[in-house]
Protein backbone atom coordinates (compact mmCIF):
# COMPACT_ATOMS: atom_id res chain seq x y z
CA MET A 1 13.24 25.43 9.61
CA ASP A 2 16.81 24.29 9.92
CA PRO A 3 17.35 21.27 7.58
CA SER A 4 19.46 19.53 10.22
CA ALA A 5 16.43 19.53 12.54
CA LEU A 6 14.72 17.06 10.20
CA SER A 7 17.34 14.43 10.99
CA SER A 8 17.29 14.91 14.76
CA PRO A 9 16.31 11.86 16.85
CA GLU A 10 13.30 13.72 18.23
CA MET A 11 12.04 14.53 14.74
CA GLN A 12 12.57 10.96 13.58
CA GLN A 13 10.65 9.67 16.60
CA PHE A 14 7.83 12.12 15.91
CA LEU A 15 7.69 11.10 12.24
CA ASN A 16 7.62 7.41 13.17
CA GLN A 17 4.78 8.01 15.61
CA GLU A 18 2.81 9.92 13.00
CA LYS A 19 3.43 7.17 10.44
CA GLU A 20 2.16 4.55 12.91
CA ARG A 21 -0.88 6.69 13.70
CA ALA A 22 -1.67 7.03 10.00
CA MET A 23 -1.31 3.27 9.49
CA LEU A 24 -3.62 2.59 12.44
CA ASN A 25 -6.22 5.03 11.11
CA GLU A 26 -6.06 3.39 7.69
CA MET A 27 -6.47 -0.07 9.23
CA VAL A 28 -9.49 1.03 11.29
CA SER A 29 -11.04 2.62 8.22
CA LYS A 30 -10.59 -0.54 6.14
CA LEU A 31 -11.88 -2.71 8.98
CA THR A 32 -14.96 -0.52 9.35
CA VAL A 33 -15.80 -0.62 5.65
CA LYS A 34 -15.19 -4.35 5.20
CA CYS A 35 -17.03 -5.45 8.33
CA TRP A 36 -19.92 -3.03 7.79
CA ASP A 37 -20.43 -4.25 4.23
CA LYS A 38 -20.24 -7.88 5.35
CA CYS A 39 -22.41 -7.69 8.47
CA ILE A 40 -24.96 -4.93 7.99
CA THR A 41 -27.18 -6.07 5.15
CA GLY A 42 -30.16 -3.78 5.62
CA THR A 43 -30.85 -0.34 6.94
CA PRO A 44 -29.52 -0.20 10.50
CA GLY A 45 -31.96 0.61 13.27
CA SER A 46 -31.25 2.37 16.52
CA LYS A 47 -29.04 -0.54 17.60
CA PHE A 48 -27.51 -3.64 16.05
CA SER A 49 -29.24 -7.00 16.19
CA SER A 50 -27.46 -9.78 18.08
CA SER A 51 -26.41 -11.43 14.83
CA GLU A 52 -25.06 -8.13 13.47
CA SER A 53 -23.14 -7.52 16.70
CA ALA A 54 -21.66 -11.02 16.64
CA CYS A 55 -20.74 -10.68 12.97
CA LEU A 56 -19.07 -7.30 13.54
CA PHE A 57 -17.13 -8.63 16.53
CA ASN A 58 -15.96 -11.76 14.69
CA CYS A 59 -15.09 -9.80 11.56
CA ALA A 60 -13.01 -7.30 13.53
CA GLN A 61 -11.22 -10.10 15.40
CA ARG A 62 -10.35 -11.95 12.18
CA TYR A 63 -9.20 -8.73 10.53
CA MET A 64 -6.93 -7.83 13.46
CA ASP A 65 -5.58 -11.40 13.72
CA MET A 66 -4.74 -11.46 10.01
CA ASN A 67 -3.03 -8.07 10.17
CA LEU A 68 -0.92 -9.29 13.10
CA ILE A 69 0.05 -12.46 11.21
CA ILE A 70 0.98 -10.45 8.12
CA MET A 71 3.06 -7.95 10.13
CA LYS A 72 4.92 -10.79 11.88
CA ARG A 73 5.58 -12.47 8.54
CA PHE A 74 7.03 -9.26 7.06
CA GLN A 75 9.17 -8.72 10.15
CA SER A 76 10.58 -12.23 9.92
CA MET A 77 11.50 -11.65 6.27
CA GLN A 78 13.67 -8.64 7.07
């Protein structure tokens, strides 16, 4: 591969998209682990109970809200 191709705008855009995708995957993974551990206390059945569903929903909302607040704070510091 031509080394100058690595600095092309298209390559930079591709790398930024891949970086964002990796960050999103990491966030979803962390959210899944944290909310599962918090909300699912026993062996899950064929579907979640209403309290488990509510807990998972609220946990995911709080996690996403906090990530948004943190990202905005970092952006304002730059």
